[in-house]
N, C-alpha and C. Protein backbone atom coordinates (compact mmCIF):
# COMPACT_ATOMS: atom_id res chain seq x y z
N UNK A 1 80.13 -22.49 38.85
CA UNK A 1 79.33 -23.67 38.63
C UNK A 1 78.20 -23.32 37.67
N UNK A 2 77.95 -24.23 36.72
CA UNK A 2 76.89 -23.99 35.74
C UNK A 2 75.57 -24.59 36.21
N UNK A 3 74.52 -24.13 35.60
CA UNK A 3 73.19 -24.64 35.92
C UNK A 3 73.04 -26.05 35.35
N UNK A 4 72.23 -26.90 35.98
CA UNK A 4 72.00 -28.23 35.41
C UNK A 4 71.22 -28.13 34.10
N UNK A 5 71.51 -29.03 33.19
CA UNK A 5 70.83 -29.07 31.91
C UNK A 5 69.81 -30.20 31.91
N UNK A 6 68.63 -29.91 31.41
CA UNK A 6 67.58 -30.91 31.29
C UNK A 6 67.36 -31.19 29.81
N UNK A 7 67.35 -32.44 29.44
CA UNK A 7 66.97 -32.86 28.10
C UNK A 7 65.95 -33.96 28.27
N UNK A 8 64.79 -33.79 27.68
CA UNK A 8 63.77 -34.80 27.86
C UNK A 8 62.61 -34.64 26.91
N UNK A 9 61.69 -35.58 27.03
CA UNK A 9 60.47 -35.58 26.23
C UNK A 9 59.33 -35.22 27.16
N UNK A 10 58.62 -34.15 26.83
CA UNK A 10 57.50 -33.69 27.64
C UNK A 10 56.32 -33.34 26.76
N UNK A 11 55.29 -32.83 27.40
CA UNK A 11 54.06 -32.47 26.69
C UNK A 11 53.66 -31.06 27.08
N UNK A 12 53.24 -30.25 26.11
CA UNK A 12 52.78 -28.90 26.39
C UNK A 12 51.43 -28.96 27.10
N UNK A 13 51.30 -28.26 28.22
CA UNK A 13 50.04 -28.23 28.95
C UNK A 13 49.17 -27.04 28.56
N UNK A 14 49.72 -26.15 27.72
CA UNK A 14 48.98 -24.99 27.22
C UNK A 14 49.68 -24.51 25.94
N UNK A 15 48.99 -23.69 25.18
CA UNK A 15 49.63 -23.08 24.02
C UNK A 15 50.72 -22.13 24.50
N UNK A 16 51.83 -22.01 23.75
CA UNK A 16 52.86 -21.02 24.11
C UNK A 16 52.26 -19.61 24.13
N UNK A 17 52.72 -18.80 25.08
CA UNK A 17 52.23 -17.43 25.22
C UNK A 17 53.38 -16.47 24.92
N UNK A 18 53.28 -15.74 23.81
CA UNK A 18 54.35 -14.82 23.42
C UNK A 18 54.00 -13.39 23.80
N UNK A 19 55.02 -12.66 24.22
CA UNK A 19 54.89 -11.24 24.52
C UNK A 19 56.20 -10.58 24.12
N UNK A 20 56.28 -9.28 24.26
CA UNK A 20 57.49 -8.56 23.91
C UNK A 20 57.95 -7.72 25.10
N UNK A 21 59.26 -7.66 25.30
CA UNK A 21 59.82 -6.81 26.35
C UNK A 21 59.69 -5.36 25.92
N UNK A 22 59.97 -4.43 26.83
CA UNK A 22 59.93 -3.01 26.47
C UNK A 22 60.97 -2.69 25.41
N UNK A 23 62.05 -3.47 25.36
CA UNK A 23 63.09 -3.28 24.35
C UNK A 23 62.70 -3.90 23.01
N UNK A 24 61.54 -4.58 22.95
CA UNK A 24 61.07 -5.15 21.70
C UNK A 24 61.50 -6.58 21.45
N UNK A 25 62.11 -7.24 22.41
CA UNK A 25 62.53 -8.64 22.23
C UNK A 25 61.38 -9.59 22.51
N UNK A 26 61.24 -10.59 21.65
CA UNK A 26 60.19 -11.59 21.81
C UNK A 26 60.58 -12.56 22.93
N UNK A 27 59.60 -12.92 23.75
CA UNK A 27 59.79 -13.92 24.80
C UNK A 27 58.49 -14.70 24.91
N UNK A 28 58.62 -16.03 25.03
CA UNK A 28 57.43 -16.86 25.14
C UNK A 28 57.55 -17.78 26.34
N UNK A 29 56.42 -18.02 26.99
CA UNK A 29 56.33 -18.97 28.10
C UNK A 29 55.72 -20.25 27.57
N UNK A 30 56.35 -21.38 27.95
CA UNK A 30 55.88 -22.68 27.51
C UNK A 30 55.75 -23.57 28.74
N UNK A 31 54.53 -24.00 29.04
CA UNK A 31 54.28 -24.88 30.19
C UNK A 31 54.43 -26.32 29.75
N UNK A 32 55.24 -27.07 30.50
CA UNK A 32 55.55 -28.45 30.14
C UNK A 32 55.24 -29.40 31.28
N UNK A 33 54.91 -30.63 30.93
CA UNK A 33 54.74 -31.71 31.91
C UNK A 33 55.58 -32.89 31.45
N UNK A 34 56.36 -33.44 32.37
CA UNK A 34 57.14 -34.64 32.12
C UNK A 34 56.57 -35.72 33.03
N UNK A 35 56.24 -36.88 32.47
CA UNK A 35 55.71 -37.94 33.32
C UNK A 35 56.33 -39.27 32.95
N UNK A 36 56.23 -40.18 33.88
CA UNK A 36 56.76 -41.52 33.64
C UNK A 36 55.58 -42.48 33.55
N UNK A 37 55.47 -43.16 32.44
CA UNK A 37 54.43 -44.19 32.26
C UNK A 37 55.12 -45.53 32.26
N UNK A 38 54.51 -46.46 32.92
CA UNK A 38 55.07 -47.80 33.01
C UNK A 38 54.00 -48.82 32.66
N UNK A 39 54.44 -49.89 32.01
CA UNK A 39 53.54 -50.98 31.70
C UNK A 39 53.49 -51.92 32.90
N UNK A 40 52.31 -52.06 33.48
CA UNK A 40 52.12 -52.99 34.60
C UNK A 40 52.11 -54.40 34.01
N UNK A 41 53.12 -55.18 34.38
CA UNK A 41 53.27 -56.53 33.82
C UNK A 41 52.12 -57.46 34.19
N UNK A 42 51.49 -57.21 35.33
CA UNK A 42 50.40 -58.09 35.77
C UNK A 42 49.10 -57.80 35.02
N UNK A 43 48.78 -56.51 34.85
CA UNK A 43 47.51 -56.14 34.20
C UNK A 43 47.67 -55.83 32.72
N UNK A 44 48.91 -55.67 32.26
CA UNK A 44 49.21 -55.28 30.88
C UNK A 44 48.58 -53.92 30.53
N UNK A 45 48.42 -53.06 31.54
CA UNK A 45 47.88 -51.71 31.35
C UNK A 45 48.97 -50.69 31.63
N UNK A 46 48.92 -49.59 30.91
CA UNK A 46 49.86 -48.50 31.17
C UNK A 46 49.39 -47.73 32.39
N UNK A 47 50.32 -47.38 33.27
CA UNK A 47 50.01 -46.62 34.47
C UNK A 47 50.88 -45.37 34.51
N UNK A 48 50.24 -44.24 34.83
CA UNK A 48 50.99 -42.99 34.95
C UNK A 48 51.72 -42.97 36.27
N UNK A 49 52.95 -42.50 36.23
CA UNK A 49 53.74 -42.35 37.44
C UNK A 49 53.76 -40.90 37.87
N UNK A 50 54.84 -40.48 38.47
CA UNK A 50 54.99 -39.10 38.92
C UNK A 50 55.01 -38.14 37.73
N UNK A 51 54.54 -36.92 37.97
CA UNK A 51 54.54 -35.89 36.94
C UNK A 51 55.34 -34.70 37.46
N UNK A 52 56.20 -34.16 36.60
CA UNK A 52 56.99 -32.97 36.93
C UNK A 52 56.53 -31.86 35.99
N UNK A 53 55.98 -30.79 36.56
CA UNK A 53 55.53 -29.64 35.79
C UNK A 53 56.60 -28.55 35.89
N UNK A 54 56.85 -27.88 34.77
CA UNK A 54 57.82 -26.79 34.77
C UNK A 54 57.41 -25.79 33.69
N UNK A 55 57.66 -24.52 33.98
CA UNK A 55 57.40 -23.47 32.99
C UNK A 55 58.72 -23.14 32.32
N UNK A 56 58.71 -23.19 30.99
CA UNK A 56 59.90 -22.88 30.21
C UNK A 56 59.78 -21.50 29.59
N UNK A 57 60.94 -20.91 29.31
CA UNK A 57 61.00 -19.61 28.66
C UNK A 57 61.90 -19.71 27.44
N UNK A 58 61.44 -19.16 26.32
CA UNK A 58 62.25 -19.07 25.11
C UNK A 58 62.31 -17.62 24.67
N UNK A 59 63.40 -17.25 24.03
CA UNK A 59 63.64 -15.86 23.65
C UNK A 59 63.84 -15.71 22.16
N UNK A 60 63.55 -14.52 21.68
CA UNK A 60 63.82 -14.02 20.35
C UNK A 60 63.26 -14.93 19.26
N UNK A 61 64.07 -15.30 18.27
CA UNK A 61 63.56 -16.06 17.12
C UNK A 61 62.97 -17.40 17.56
N UNK A 62 63.61 -18.06 18.53
CA UNK A 62 63.09 -19.34 19.02
C UNK A 62 61.69 -19.15 19.62
N UNK A 63 61.45 -18.05 20.29
CA UNK A 63 60.13 -17.76 20.85
C UNK A 63 59.10 -17.62 19.73
N UNK A 64 59.44 -16.90 18.69
CA UNK A 64 58.52 -16.69 17.58
C UNK A 64 58.22 -18.02 16.87
N UNK A 65 59.27 -18.81 16.61
CA UNK A 65 59.08 -20.07 15.91
C UNK A 65 58.30 -21.07 16.75
N UNK A 66 58.59 -21.14 18.05
CA UNK A 66 57.88 -22.06 18.93
C UNK A 66 56.40 -21.68 19.02
N UNK A 67 56.11 -20.40 19.09
CA UNK A 67 54.72 -19.95 19.19
C UNK A 67 53.94 -20.30 17.93
N UNK A 68 54.58 -20.19 16.77
CA UNK A 68 53.91 -20.53 15.51
C UNK A 68 53.75 -22.02 15.32
N UNK A 69 54.67 -22.81 15.88
CA UNK A 69 54.73 -24.24 15.58
C UNK A 69 54.04 -25.12 16.60
N UNK A 70 54.16 -24.81 17.88
CA UNK A 70 53.73 -25.70 18.94
C UNK A 70 52.35 -25.33 19.48
N UNK A 71 51.64 -26.33 20.01
CA UNK A 71 50.35 -26.07 20.62
C UNK A 71 50.11 -27.06 21.76
N UNK A 72 49.11 -26.75 22.56
CA UNK A 72 48.76 -27.57 23.72
C UNK A 72 48.59 -29.04 23.33
N UNK A 73 49.15 -29.91 24.17
CA UNK A 73 49.02 -31.34 23.96
C UNK A 73 50.12 -31.97 23.14
N UNK A 74 50.92 -31.17 22.43
CA UNK A 74 51.98 -31.73 21.60
C UNK A 74 53.09 -32.31 22.47
N UNK A 75 53.62 -33.44 22.04
CA UNK A 75 54.79 -34.00 22.71
C UNK A 75 56.01 -33.40 22.05
N UNK A 76 56.94 -32.91 22.88
CA UNK A 76 58.12 -32.21 22.38
C UNK A 76 59.40 -32.78 22.99
N UNK A 77 60.47 -32.58 22.29
CA UNK A 77 61.80 -32.88 22.79
C UNK A 77 62.42 -31.53 23.12
N UNK A 78 62.90 -31.38 24.35
CA UNK A 78 63.34 -30.07 24.82
C UNK A 78 64.68 -30.19 25.56
N UNK A 79 65.50 -29.16 25.40
CA UNK A 79 66.76 -29.05 26.13
C UNK A 79 66.85 -27.63 26.68
N UNK A 80 67.29 -27.52 27.93
CA UNK A 80 67.45 -26.19 28.52
C UNK A 80 68.13 -26.25 29.86
N UNK A 81 68.35 -25.08 30.43
CA UNK A 81 69.01 -24.94 31.73
C UNK A 81 67.95 -24.79 32.82
N UNK A 82 68.05 -25.63 33.85
CA UNK A 82 67.13 -25.56 34.98
C UNK A 82 67.60 -24.45 35.91
N UNK A 83 66.68 -23.62 36.35
CA UNK A 83 66.99 -22.53 37.28
C UNK A 83 65.84 -22.36 38.25
N UNK A 84 65.98 -21.45 39.17
CA UNK A 84 64.93 -21.17 40.14
C UNK A 84 64.42 -19.75 39.93
N UNK A 85 63.13 -19.60 39.72
CA UNK A 85 62.50 -18.28 39.64
C UNK A 85 62.07 -17.89 41.04
N UNK A 86 62.35 -16.66 41.43
CA UNK A 86 61.95 -16.15 42.74
C UNK A 86 61.20 -14.84 42.55
N UNK A 87 60.14 -14.66 43.33
CA UNK A 87 59.38 -13.42 43.31
C UNK A 87 58.68 -13.25 44.64
N UNK A 88 58.20 -12.02 44.84
CA UNK A 88 57.46 -11.71 46.05
C UNK A 88 56.11 -11.15 45.67
N UNK A 89 55.06 -11.66 46.33
CA UNK A 89 53.70 -11.20 46.05
C UNK A 89 52.97 -11.11 47.38
N UNK A 90 52.38 -9.98 47.62
CA UNK A 90 51.63 -9.73 48.86
C UNK A 90 52.46 -10.05 50.10
N UNK A 91 53.74 -9.69 50.04
CA UNK A 91 54.61 -9.91 51.18
C UNK A 91 55.11 -11.33 51.35
N UNK A 92 54.65 -12.24 50.51
CA UNK A 92 55.08 -13.63 50.57
C UNK A 92 56.15 -13.89 49.50
N UNK A 93 57.20 -14.60 49.91
CA UNK A 93 58.24 -14.98 48.97
C UNK A 93 57.88 -16.33 48.35
N UNK A 94 58.04 -16.41 47.04
CA UNK A 94 57.72 -17.63 46.30
C UNK A 94 58.92 -18.02 45.44
N UNK A 95 59.00 -19.30 45.15
CA UNK A 95 59.99 -19.77 44.19
C UNK A 95 59.49 -21.06 43.55
N UNK A 96 59.98 -21.30 42.32
CA UNK A 96 59.62 -22.51 41.60
C UNK A 96 60.72 -22.82 40.58
N UNK A 97 60.82 -24.08 40.19
CA UNK A 97 61.80 -24.40 39.15
C UNK A 97 61.32 -23.84 37.81
N UNK A 98 62.27 -23.47 36.97
CA UNK A 98 61.98 -22.94 35.64
C UNK A 98 63.01 -23.48 34.67
N UNK A 99 62.70 -23.42 33.41
CA UNK A 99 63.58 -23.95 32.38
C UNK A 99 63.86 -22.87 31.35
N UNK A 100 65.11 -22.52 31.16
CA UNK A 100 65.52 -21.60 30.10
C UNK A 100 65.80 -22.48 28.88
N UNK A 101 64.83 -22.52 27.97
CA UNK A 101 64.86 -23.47 26.85
C UNK A 101 65.85 -23.00 25.80
N UNK A 102 66.72 -23.92 25.41
CA UNK A 102 67.71 -23.67 24.36
C UNK A 102 67.27 -24.28 23.03
N UNK A 103 66.51 -25.38 23.11
CA UNK A 103 66.07 -26.08 21.91
C UNK A 103 64.76 -26.79 22.22
N UNK A 104 63.81 -26.74 21.27
CA UNK A 104 62.54 -27.42 21.45
C UNK A 104 61.99 -27.78 20.08
N UNK A 105 61.43 -28.99 19.97
CA UNK A 105 60.90 -29.45 18.69
C UNK A 105 59.82 -30.50 18.93
N UNK A 106 58.88 -30.63 17.99
CA UNK A 106 57.87 -31.68 18.14
C UNK A 106 58.53 -33.06 18.05
N UNK A 107 58.00 -34.02 18.78
CA UNK A 107 58.48 -35.39 18.73
C UNK A 107 57.88 -36.04 17.49
N UNK A 108 58.71 -36.40 16.54
CA UNK A 108 58.22 -36.93 15.27
C UNK A 108 57.70 -38.36 15.38
N UNK A 109 57.78 -38.95 16.56
CA UNK A 109 57.15 -40.25 16.77
C UNK A 109 55.64 -40.10 16.79
N UNK A 110 55.14 -38.88 17.07
CA UNK A 110 53.70 -38.66 17.20
C UNK A 110 53.18 -37.50 16.35
N UNK A 111 54.03 -36.96 15.48
CA UNK A 111 53.61 -35.83 14.67
C UNK A 111 54.38 -35.85 13.35
N UNK A 112 53.83 -35.19 12.37
CA UNK A 112 54.50 -35.00 11.09
C UNK A 112 54.79 -33.52 10.99
N UNK A 113 56.00 -33.17 10.64
CA UNK A 113 56.37 -31.76 10.57
C UNK A 113 56.92 -31.44 9.19
N UNK A 114 56.63 -30.25 8.72
CA UNK A 114 57.23 -29.73 7.51
C UNK A 114 58.18 -28.63 7.95
N UNK A 115 59.44 -28.78 7.61
CA UNK A 115 60.45 -27.83 8.07
C UNK A 115 60.74 -26.83 6.97
N UNK A 116 60.74 -25.55 7.33
CA UNK A 116 61.12 -24.49 6.40
C UNK A 116 61.81 -23.40 7.20
N UNK A 117 62.62 -22.63 6.52
CA UNK A 117 63.28 -21.52 7.20
C UNK A 117 62.23 -20.48 7.56
N UNK A 118 62.43 -19.82 8.71
CA UNK A 118 61.48 -18.78 9.10
C UNK A 118 61.69 -17.55 8.23
N UNK A 119 60.72 -16.67 8.24
CA UNK A 119 60.74 -15.49 7.38
C UNK A 119 61.95 -14.61 7.64
N UNK A 120 62.35 -14.45 8.90
CA UNK A 120 63.49 -13.60 9.23
C UNK A 120 64.77 -14.16 8.64
N UNK A 121 64.94 -15.49 8.64
CA UNK A 121 66.12 -16.11 8.05
C UNK A 121 66.16 -15.89 6.56
N UNK A 122 65.01 -15.99 5.93
CA UNK A 122 64.95 -15.85 4.48
C UNK A 122 65.21 -14.42 4.03
N UNK A 123 64.85 -13.47 4.86
CA UNK A 123 65.02 -12.06 4.49
C UNK A 123 66.32 -11.49 5.00
N UNK A 124 67.12 -12.34 5.69
CA UNK A 124 68.40 -11.88 6.19
C UNK A 124 68.28 -10.94 7.38
N UNK A 125 67.16 -10.98 8.07
CA UNK A 125 66.94 -10.10 9.22
C UNK A 125 67.26 -10.84 10.50
N UNK A 126 67.56 -10.11 11.54
CA UNK A 126 67.69 -10.70 12.87
C UNK A 126 66.31 -11.02 13.38
N UNK A 127 66.16 -12.09 14.11
CA UNK A 127 64.85 -12.47 14.63
C UNK A 127 64.66 -11.97 16.04
N UNK A 128 63.49 -12.16 16.55
CA UNK A 128 63.21 -11.84 17.94
C UNK A 128 62.86 -10.39 18.18
N UNK A 129 62.75 -9.60 17.16
CA UNK A 129 62.40 -8.20 17.35
C UNK A 129 60.93 -8.02 17.02
N UNK A 130 60.31 -7.09 17.71
CA UNK A 130 58.89 -6.81 17.48
C UNK A 130 58.71 -6.33 16.04
N UNK A 131 57.75 -6.93 15.30
CA UNK A 131 57.48 -6.46 13.95
C UNK A 131 56.87 -5.06 14.01
N UNK A 132 57.04 -4.28 12.94
CA UNK A 132 56.39 -2.97 12.93
C UNK A 132 54.90 -3.13 13.17
N UNK A 133 54.29 -2.13 13.81
CA UNK A 133 52.89 -2.19 14.23
C UNK A 133 51.96 -2.61 13.09
N UNK A 134 52.18 -2.08 11.88
CA UNK A 134 51.27 -2.37 10.79
C UNK A 134 51.50 -3.75 10.18
N UNK A 135 52.56 -4.47 10.61
CA UNK A 135 52.83 -5.78 10.04
C UNK A 135 52.62 -6.92 11.04
N UNK A 136 52.13 -6.62 12.22
CA UNK A 136 51.95 -7.65 13.23
C UNK A 136 50.86 -8.62 12.80
N UNK A 137 51.12 -9.93 12.95
CA UNK A 137 50.15 -10.95 12.54
C UNK A 137 49.10 -11.11 13.62
N UNK A 138 47.86 -11.42 13.21
CA UNK A 138 46.83 -11.74 14.20
C UNK A 138 47.21 -13.01 14.94
N UNK A 139 46.82 -13.11 16.20
CA UNK A 139 47.16 -14.27 17.02
C UNK A 139 46.59 -15.53 16.39
N UNK A 140 47.42 -16.59 16.38
CA UNK A 140 46.98 -17.86 15.85
C UNK A 140 47.15 -18.01 14.35
N UNK A 141 47.49 -16.93 13.64
CA UNK A 141 47.67 -17.02 12.20
C UNK A 141 49.14 -17.26 11.92
N UNK A 142 49.45 -18.28 11.14
CA UNK A 142 50.84 -18.57 10.84
C UNK A 142 51.27 -17.84 9.59
N UNK A 143 52.56 -17.56 9.52
CA UNK A 143 53.11 -16.88 8.37
C UNK A 143 53.62 -17.93 7.40
N UNK A 144 53.24 -17.88 6.16
CA UNK A 144 53.64 -18.85 5.16
C UNK A 144 54.69 -18.23 4.26
N UNK A 145 55.63 -19.08 3.82
CA UNK A 145 56.66 -18.62 2.90
C UNK A 145 56.04 -18.47 1.53
N UNK A 146 56.38 -17.39 0.84
CA UNK A 146 55.90 -17.20 -0.52
C UNK A 146 57.06 -16.82 -1.41
N UNK A 147 56.98 -17.19 -2.66
CA UNK A 147 58.03 -16.88 -3.61
C UNK A 147 59.17 -17.87 -3.52
N UNK A 148 60.14 -17.69 -4.40
CA UNK A 148 61.26 -18.62 -4.43
C UNK A 148 62.18 -18.42 -3.23
N UNK A 149 62.95 -19.46 -2.88
CA UNK A 149 63.90 -19.32 -1.77
C UNK A 149 65.02 -18.37 -2.15
N UNK A 150 65.74 -17.83 -1.18
CA UNK A 150 66.81 -16.88 -1.49
C UNK A 150 67.92 -17.55 -2.30
N UNK A 151 68.53 -16.79 -3.21
CA UNK A 151 69.57 -17.32 -4.09
C UNK A 151 70.83 -17.71 -3.34
N UNK A 152 71.08 -17.13 -2.15
CA UNK A 152 72.29 -17.44 -1.41
C UNK A 152 72.13 -18.63 -0.47
N UNK A 153 71.02 -19.35 -0.54
CA UNK A 153 70.80 -20.52 0.29
C UNK A 153 71.13 -21.77 -0.51
N UNK A 154 72.32 -22.36 -0.28
CA UNK A 154 72.72 -23.51 -1.09
C UNK A 154 71.88 -24.75 -0.83
N UNK A 155 71.16 -24.82 0.28
CA UNK A 155 70.31 -25.98 0.57
C UNK A 155 69.00 -25.92 -0.19
N UNK A 156 68.59 -24.74 -0.59
CA UNK A 156 67.27 -24.60 -1.18
C UNK A 156 67.29 -24.46 -2.70
N UNK A 157 68.40 -24.03 -3.28
CA UNK A 157 68.39 -23.70 -4.69
C UNK A 157 69.47 -24.47 -5.44
N UNK A 158 69.06 -25.12 -6.52
CA UNK A 158 69.98 -25.72 -7.47
C UNK A 158 69.96 -24.81 -8.68
N UNK A 159 71.06 -24.15 -8.97
CA UNK A 159 71.08 -23.13 -10.02
C UNK A 159 70.60 -23.67 -11.37
N UNK A 160 70.83 -24.94 -11.65
CA UNK A 160 70.45 -25.50 -12.95
C UNK A 160 68.96 -25.81 -13.02
N UNK A 161 68.38 -26.36 -11.95
CA UNK A 161 67.00 -26.83 -12.02
C UNK A 161 66.05 -26.13 -11.07
N UNK A 162 66.50 -25.21 -10.29
CA UNK A 162 65.63 -24.48 -9.37
C UNK A 162 65.68 -25.02 -7.96
N UNK A 163 65.32 -26.29 -7.73
CA UNK A 163 65.33 -26.88 -6.40
C UNK A 163 66.09 -28.21 -6.44
N UNK A 164 66.62 -28.58 -5.29
CA UNK A 164 67.36 -29.84 -5.21
C UNK A 164 67.24 -30.44 -3.83
N UNK A 165 67.21 -31.77 -3.77
CA UNK A 165 67.22 -32.48 -2.50
C UNK A 165 68.65 -32.83 -2.08
N UNK A 166 69.60 -32.57 -2.92
CA UNK A 166 70.99 -32.92 -2.64
C UNK A 166 71.64 -31.86 -1.75
N UNK A 167 72.45 -32.29 -0.76
CA UNK A 167 73.16 -31.31 0.06
C UNK A 167 74.22 -30.60 -0.78
N UNK A 168 74.57 -29.36 -0.43
CA UNK A 168 75.47 -28.55 -1.25
C UNK A 168 76.94 -28.87 -1.00
N UNK A 169 77.29 -30.12 -0.73
CA UNK A 169 78.70 -30.48 -0.56
C UNK A 169 78.97 -31.84 -1.15
């Protein structure tokens, strides 16, 4: 039996928190809130309904991209597998629902986004690995693309004119 899948629109309750495993893989925690708002027909006011809080986890390149892109308060569209986290602390057993996030993006109904390939994609590197110590970015600083796009990217380069908005098919 597979885990249930959740797809929904939620809001980040905190900035994503990225860390690295001992093996050097990037992992980020993303706290989400899903709520139901309803228009009260009698008062014509919006009323908040129940709220479901869940902590999501993203791995490797998705963790790096989410940490650079998302911030507290943003409304996002998210898909992932619902699971149960279990741990023991001070002799007490605890558990809570968790979300293994497969896809997450800002909701463009409330945000404007500029989409570009991440640096690892452009350099042909695998993502999700800890950058060398001397190349680690300061927290909160985003990495910007510089220079022309790679020649092997048919979406980014038109050999005749440099750039093109036309799809390569």
